[in-house]
Amino acid sequence: MIVLRFIVSRFAVVPIFAAFFLMPVFVHAGQLPESAPSFTLTDVRGKSVSLDEFRGRVVFLTFWASWCVPCREELPELDRLYKKYKKEGFEVIAVSVDSSEAAVDNFLRKISVSFHVLFDKKGDVSDAYRVSGLPTGFIIGKDGDIRHKHRGFGKEFLPTYEKEIADLIKQK
């Protein structure tokens, strides 16, 4: 009976831990590294893309995977924001942490996006950004500094994303 109680009590905690780690997290700029780590990765077309190319623009950098359900929901919403604000100096860069380019290609055939999709096969860039869950997004100001960090996704985040993006676009 004691062993059964231990097993039940131990595994009853798992959903609580899972819920905690899947909860969205907003981090303010004061808790982030000042400058966004620079990187160059290959996109889905085989072209090298560098974060430095987007200096002077507001960038939403998201780390995602094709198997991640919240990521699948986030990317179309980021595409909508990208289309709305791109003429005002907004970019989206989606960095896939998938080990298979084929998985990403299959996903992008179903859900097409207009922004840059890059591969981080070795995980060096996600390590540099200390990504600990998916999706994880960073909103980077025109000056190259990380202004906001978001972990997780839900449609209720969209007003926050949009406000943060619009505010940074207005800044000189």
C-alpha atoms as a PDB file:
ATOM      1  CA  MET A   1       0.000   0.000   0.000  1.00  0.00           C
ATOM      2  CA  ILE A   2       2.821   2.413   0.819  1.00  0.00           C
ATOM      3  CA  VAL A   3       4.485   1.683  -2.539  1.00  0.00           C
ATOM      4  CA  LEU A   4       1.194   2.304  -4.348  1.00  0.00           C
ATOM      5  CA  ARG A   5       0.748   5.643  -2.524  1.00  0.00           C
ATOM      6  CA  PHE A   6       4.291   6.671  -3.548  1.00  0.00           C
ATOM      7  CA  ILE A   7       3.676   5.772  -7.193  1.00  0.00           C
ATOM      8  CA  VAL A   8       0.321   7.575  -7.315  1.00  0.00           C
ATOM      9  CA  SER A   9       1.600  10.659  -5.499  1.00  0.00           C
ATOM     10  CA  ARG A  10       4.758  10.789  -7.615  1.00  0.00           C
ATOM     11  CA  PHE A  11       2.957  10.534 -10.979  1.00  0.00           C
ATOM     12  CA  ALA A  12       0.101  12.812  -9.925  1.00  0.00           C
ATOM     13  CA  VAL A  13       2.670  15.614  -9.809  1.00  0.00           C
ATOM     14  CA  VAL A  14       3.711  15.093 -13.459  1.00  0.00           C
ATOM     15  CA  PRO A  15       0.710  17.002 -14.915  1.00  0.00           C
ATOM     16  CA  ILE A  16       1.438  19.890 -12.548  1.00  0.00           C
ATOM     17  CA  PHE A  17       5.066  20.079 -13.709  1.00  0.00           C
ATOM     18  CA  ALA A  18       4.015  19.732 -17.345  1.00  0.00           C
ATOM     19  CA  ALA A  19       1.494  22.542 -16.968  1.00  0.00           C
ATOM     20  CA  PHE A  20       4.148  24.740 -15.347  1.00  0.00           C
ATOM     21  CA  PHE A  21       6.664  24.236 -18.145  1.00  0.00           C
ATOM     22  CA  LEU A  22       4.076  24.710 -20.892  1.00  0.00           C
ATOM     23  CA  MET A  23       2.766  27.948 -19.419  1.00  0.00           C
ATOM     24  CA  PRO A  24       3.595  31.052 -21.414  1.00  0.00           C
ATOM     25  CA  VAL A  25       6.256  33.251 -19.917  1.00  0.00           C
ATOM     26  CA  PHE A  26       6.825  36.943 -20.565  1.00  0.00           C
ATOM     27  CA  VAL A  27      10.245  38.293 -19.690  1.00  0.00           C
ATOM     28  CA  HIS A  28      11.024  41.989 -19.639  1.00  0.00           C
ATOM     29  CA  ALA A  29      14.061  43.503 -21.296  1.00  0.00           C
ATOM     30  CA  GLY A  30      15.877  44.153 -17.997  1.00  0.00           C
ATOM     31  CA  GLN A  31      16.158  40.386 -17.501  1.00  0.00           C
ATOM     32  CA  LEU A  32      17.607  39.715 -20.961  1.00  0.00           C
ATOM     33  CA  PRO A  33      21.037  39.973 -22.536  1.00  0.00           C
ATOM     34  CA  GLU A  34      21.494  43.438 -23.970  1.00  0.00           C
ATOM     35  CA  SER A  35      22.426  42.573 -27.545  1.00  0.00           C
ATOM     36  CA  ALA A  36      20.885  39.816 -29.625  1.00  0.00           C
ATOM     37  CA  PRO A  37      23.607  37.249 -30.399  1.00  0.00           C
ATOM     38  CA  SER A  38      24.569  37.479 -34.062  1.00  0.00           C
ATOM     39  CA  PHE A  39      24.224  34.419 -36.290  1.00  0.00           C
ATOM     40  CA  THR A  40      24.148  33.236 -39.878  1.00  0.00           C
ATOM     41  CA  LEU A  41      22.063  30.200 -40.839  1.00  0.00           C
ATOM     42  CA  THR A  42      20.768  28.620 -44.032  1.00  0.00           C
ATOM     43  CA  ASP A  43      17.144  29.135 -45.030  1.00  0.00           C
ATOM     44  CA  VAL A  44      14.765  26.656 -46.663  1.00  0.00           C
ATOM     45  CA  ARG A  45      15.997  27.709 -50.120  1.00  0.00           C
ATOM     46  CA  GLY A  46      19.656  27.116 -49.231  1.00  0.00           C
ATOM     47  CA  LYS A  47      20.506  30.832 -48.892  1.00  0.00           C
ATOM     48  CA  SER A  48      22.624  32.133 -45.993  1.00  0.00           C
ATOM     49  CA  VAL A  49      20.737  34.626 -43.843  1.00  0.00           C
ATOM     50  CA  SER A  50      22.349  36.706 -41.107  1.00  0.00           C
ATOM     51  CA  LEU A  51      20.583  38.477 -38.268  1.00  0.00           C
ATOM     52  CA  ASP A  52      22.860  41.460 -38.941  1.00  0.00           C
ATOM     53  CA  GLU A  53      21.077  41.993 -42.295  1.00  0.00           C
ATOM     54  CA  PHE A  54      18.013  43.158 -40.370  1.00  0.00           C
ATOM     55  CA  ARG A  55      19.682  45.833 -38.237  1.00  0.00           C
ATOM     56  CA  GLY A  56      17.470  48.938 -38.256  1.00  0.00           C
ATOM     57  CA  ARG A  57      14.292  46.845 -38.339  1.00  0.00           C
ATOM     58  CA  VAL A  58      12.178  45.333 -35.566  1.00  0.00           C
ATOM     59  CA  VAL A  59      12.610  41.552 -35.631  1.00  0.00           C
ATOM     60  CA  PHE A  60      10.495  38.813 -34.106  1.00  0.00           C
ATOM     61  CA  LEU A  61      12.887  35.866 -33.822  1.00  0.00           C
ATOM     62  CA  THR A  62      11.108  32.631 -32.976  1.00  0.00           C
ATOM     63  CA  PHE A  63      12.558  29.187 -32.282  1.00  0.00           C
ATOM     64  CA  TRP A  64      10.204  26.388 -33.259  1.00  0.00           C
ATOM     65  CA  ALA A  65       9.865  22.779 -34.441  1.00  0.00           C
ATOM     66  CA  SER A  66       7.448  21.109 -36.850  1.00  0.00           C
ATOM     67  CA  TRP A  67       6.306  18.643 -34.156  1.00  0.00           C
ATOM     68  CA  CYS A  68       5.482  21.410 -31.648  1.00  0.00           C
ATOM     69  CA  VAL A  69       1.718  22.054 -31.519  1.00  0.00           C
ATOM     70  CA  PRO A  70       1.914  25.648 -30.168  1.00  0.00           C
ATOM     71  CA  CYS A  71       4.548  26.389 -32.852  1.00  0.00           C
ATOM     72  CA  ARG A  72       2.141  25.208 -35.529  1.00  0.00           C
ATOM     73  CA  GLU A  73      -0.403  27.696 -34.178  1.00  0.00           C
ATOM     74  CA  GLU A  74       2.072  30.549 -33.770  1.00  0.00           C
ATOM     75  CA  LEU A  75       3.662  30.621 -37.240  1.00  0.00           C
ATOM     76  CA  PRO A  76       0.489  31.563 -39.186  1.00  0.00           C
ATOM     77  CA  GLU A  77      -0.225  34.317 -36.643  1.00  0.00           C
ATOM     78  CA  LEU A  78       3.324  35.651 -36.983  1.00  0.00           C
ATOM     79  CA  ASP A  79       2.838  35.616 -40.752  1.00  0.00           C
ATOM     80  CA  ARG A  80      -0.281  37.741 -40.340  1.00  0.00           C
ATOM     81  CA  LEU A  81       1.674  40.234 -38.186  1.00  0.00           C
ATOM     82  CA  TYR A  82       4.552  40.197 -40.657  1.00  0.00           C
ATOM     83  CA  LYS A  83       2.258  41.058 -43.556  1.00  0.00           C
ATOM     84  CA  LYS A  84       0.608  43.808 -41.520  1.00  0.00           C
ATOM     85  CA  TYR A  85       3.834  45.522 -40.373  1.00  0.00           C
ATOM     86  CA  LYS A  86       6.543  44.642 -42.916  1.00  0.00           C
ATOM     87  CA  LYS A  87       6.213  47.973 -44.755  1.00  0.00           C
ATOM     88  CA  GLU A  88       6.844  49.707 -41.429  1.00  0.00           C
ATOM     89  CA  GLY A  89      10.146  47.914 -40.812  1.00  0.00           C
ATOM     90  CA  PHE A  90       9.133  44.608 -39.237  1.00  0.00           C
ATOM     91  CA  GLU A  91      10.673  41.202 -39.941  1.00  0.00           C
ATOM     92  CA  VAL A  92      10.035  37.687 -38.700  1.00  0.00           C
ATOM     93  CA  ILE A  93      12.736  35.043 -38.604  1.00  0.00           C
ATOM     94  CA  ALA A  94      11.678  31.510 -37.685  1.00  0.00           C
ATOM     95  CA  VAL A  95      14.550  29.256 -36.648  1.00  0.00           C
ATOM     96  CA  SER A  96      13.696  25.567 -36.829  1.00  0.00           C
ATOM     97  CA  VAL A  97      15.377  23.265 -34.342  1.00  0.00           C
ATOM     98  CA  ASP A  98      14.152  20.199 -36.246  1.00  0.00           C
ATOM     99  CA  SER A  99      16.856  17.650 -37.039  1.00  0.00           C
ATOM    100  CA  SER A 100      15.193  16.911 -40.382  1.00  0.00           C
ATOM    101  CA  GLU A 101      14.833  19.475 -43.156  1.00  0.00           C
ATOM    102  CA  ALA A 102      12.253  17.159 -44.742  1.00  0.00           C
ATOM    103  CA  ALA A 103       9.977  17.553 -41.702  1.00  0.00           C
ATOM    104  CA  VAL A 104      10.156  21.337 -42.045  1.00  0.00           C
ATOM    105  CA  ASP A 105       9.536  21.179 -45.802  1.00  0.00           C
ATOM    106  CA  ASN A 106       6.476  18.958 -45.257  1.00  0.00           C
ATOM    107  CA  PHE A 107       5.152  21.331 -42.614  1.00  0.00           C
ATOM    108  CA  LEU A 108       5.687  24.399 -44.819  1.00  0.00           C
ATOM    109  CA  ARG A 109       3.770  22.740 -47.660  1.00  0.00           C
ATOM    110  CA  LYS A 110       0.728  22.681 -45.373  1.00  0.00           C
ATOM    111  CA  ILE A 111       1.224  26.070 -43.747  1.00  0.00           C
ATOM    112  CA  SER A 112       2.917  28.573 -46.013  1.00  0.00           C
ATOM    113  CA  VAL A 113       4.625  31.605 -44.477  1.00  0.00           C
ATOM    114  CA  SER A 114       6.094  34.728 -46.084  1.00  0.00           C
ATOM    115  CA  PHE A 115       9.038  35.279 -43.745  1.00  0.00           C
ATOM    116  CA  HIS A 116      12.480  33.687 -43.429  1.00  0.00           C
ATOM    117  CA  VAL A 117      12.594  30.115 -42.127  1.00  0.00           C
ATOM    118  CA  LEU A 118      16.089  29.009 -41.106  1.00  0.00           C
ATOM    119  CA  PHE A 119      17.651  25.750 -39.887  1.00  0.00           C
ATOM    120  CA  ASP A 120      19.631  25.444 -36.642  1.00  0.00           C
ATOM    121  CA  LYS A 121      20.599  21.783 -37.040  1.00  0.00           C
ATOM    122  CA  LYS A 122      23.490  21.874 -34.571  1.00  0.00           C
ATOM    123  CA  GLY A 123      21.566  23.910 -32.008  1.00  0.00           C
ATOM    124  CA  ASP A 124      24.290  26.539 -31.687  1.00  0.00           C
ATOM    125  CA  VAL A 125      21.945  29.489 -32.173  1.00  0.00           C
ATOM    126  CA  SER A 126      19.243  28.174 -29.843  1.00  0.00           C
ATOM    127  CA  ASP A 127      21.995  27.582 -27.263  1.00  0.00           C
ATOM    128  CA  ALA A 128      23.256  31.157 -27.695  1.00  0.00           C
ATOM    129  CA  TYR A 129      19.722  32.403 -26.992  1.00  0.00           C
ATOM    130  CA  ARG A 130      19.297  29.953 -24.092  1.00  0.00           C
ATOM    131  CA  VAL A 131      16.106  28.485 -25.546  1.00  0.00           C
ATOM    132  CA  SER A 132      14.571  26.092 -23.025  1.00  0.00           C
ATOM    133  CA  GLY A 133      11.136  25.459 -24.528  1.00  0.00           C
ATOM    134  CA  LEU A 134       9.250  25.830 -27.776  1.00  0.00           C
ATOM    135  CA  PRO A 135       8.181  28.112 -29.159  1.00  0.00           C
ATOM    136  CA  THR A 136      10.437  30.800 -27.728  1.00  0.00           C
ATOM    137  CA  GLY A 137      10.259  34.239 -29.277  1.00  0.00           C
ATOM    138  CA  PHE A 138      12.479  37.297 -28.980  1.00  0.00           C
ATOM    139  CA  ILE A 139      11.450  40.738 -30.115  1.00  0.00           C
ATOM    140  CA  ILE A 140      14.574  42.612 -31.111  1.00  0.00           C
ATOM    141  CA  GLY A 141      14.633  46.397 -31.452  1.00  0.00           C
ATOM    142  CA  LYS A 142      16.057  48.355 -34.369  1.00  0.00           C
ATOM    143  CA  ASP A 143      19.289  48.750 -32.398  1.00  0.00           C
ATOM    144  CA  GLY A 144      19.807  44.975 -32.191  1.00  0.00           C
ATOM    145  CA  ASP A 145      18.910  44.731 -28.497  1.00  0.00           C
ATOM    146  CA  ILE A 146      16.485  42.114 -27.222  1.00  0.00           C
ATOM    147  CA  ARG A 147      13.446  43.951 -25.858  1.00  0.00           C
ATOM    148  CA  HIS A 148      11.012  41.129 -25.077  1.00  0.00           C
ATOM    149  CA  LYS A 149      11.088  37.362 -24.674  1.00  0.00           C
ATOM    150  CA  HIS A 150       8.085  35.053 -24.892  1.00  0.00           C
ATOM    151  CA  ARG A 151       7.975  31.335 -24.176  1.00  0.00           C
ATOM    152  CA  GLY A 152       4.983  29.326 -25.299  1.00  0.00           C
ATOM    153  CA  PHE A 153       2.098  30.538 -27.409  1.00  0.00           C
ATOM    154  CA  GLY A 154      -1.606  31.120 -27.176  1.00  0.00           C
ATOM    155  CA  LYS A 155      -3.840  33.387 -29.238  1.00  0.00           C
ATOM    156  CA  GLU A 156      -4.255  35.541 -26.133  1.00  0.00           C
ATOM    157  CA  PHE A 157      -0.601  36.636 -26.608  1.00  0.00           C
ATOM    158  CA  LEU A 158      -1.311  38.321 -29.930  1.00  0.00           C
ATOM    159  CA  PRO A 159      -2.399  41.703 -28.492  1.00  0.00           C
ATOM    160  CA  THR A 160       0.812  41.775 -26.427  1.00  0.00           C
ATOM    161  CA  TYR A 161       2.951  40.874 -29.441  1.00  0.00           C
ATOM    162  CA  GLU A 162       1.253  43.502 -31.553  1.00  0.00           C
ATOM    163  CA  LYS A 163       1.634  46.241 -28.940  1.00  0.00           C
ATOM    164  CA  GLU A 164       5.322  45.444 -28.381  1.00  0.00           C
ATOM    165  CA  ILE A 165       5.989  45.385 -32.134  1.00  0.00           C
ATOM    166  CA  ALA A 166       4.070  48.621 -32.817  1.00  0.00           C
ATOM    167  CA  ASP A 167       5.809  50.410 -29.925  1.00  0.00           C
ATOM    168  CA  LEU A 168       9.256  49.381 -31.190  1.00  0.00           C
ATOM    169  CA  ILE A 169       8.445  50.361 -34.764  1.00  0.00           C
ATOM    170  CA  LYS A 170       7.556  53.866 -33.532  1.00  0.00           C
ATOM    171  CA  GLN A 171      10.930  54.256 -31.763  1.00  0.00           C
ATOM    172  CA  LYS A 172      13.706  55.961 -33.684  1.00  0.00           C
END
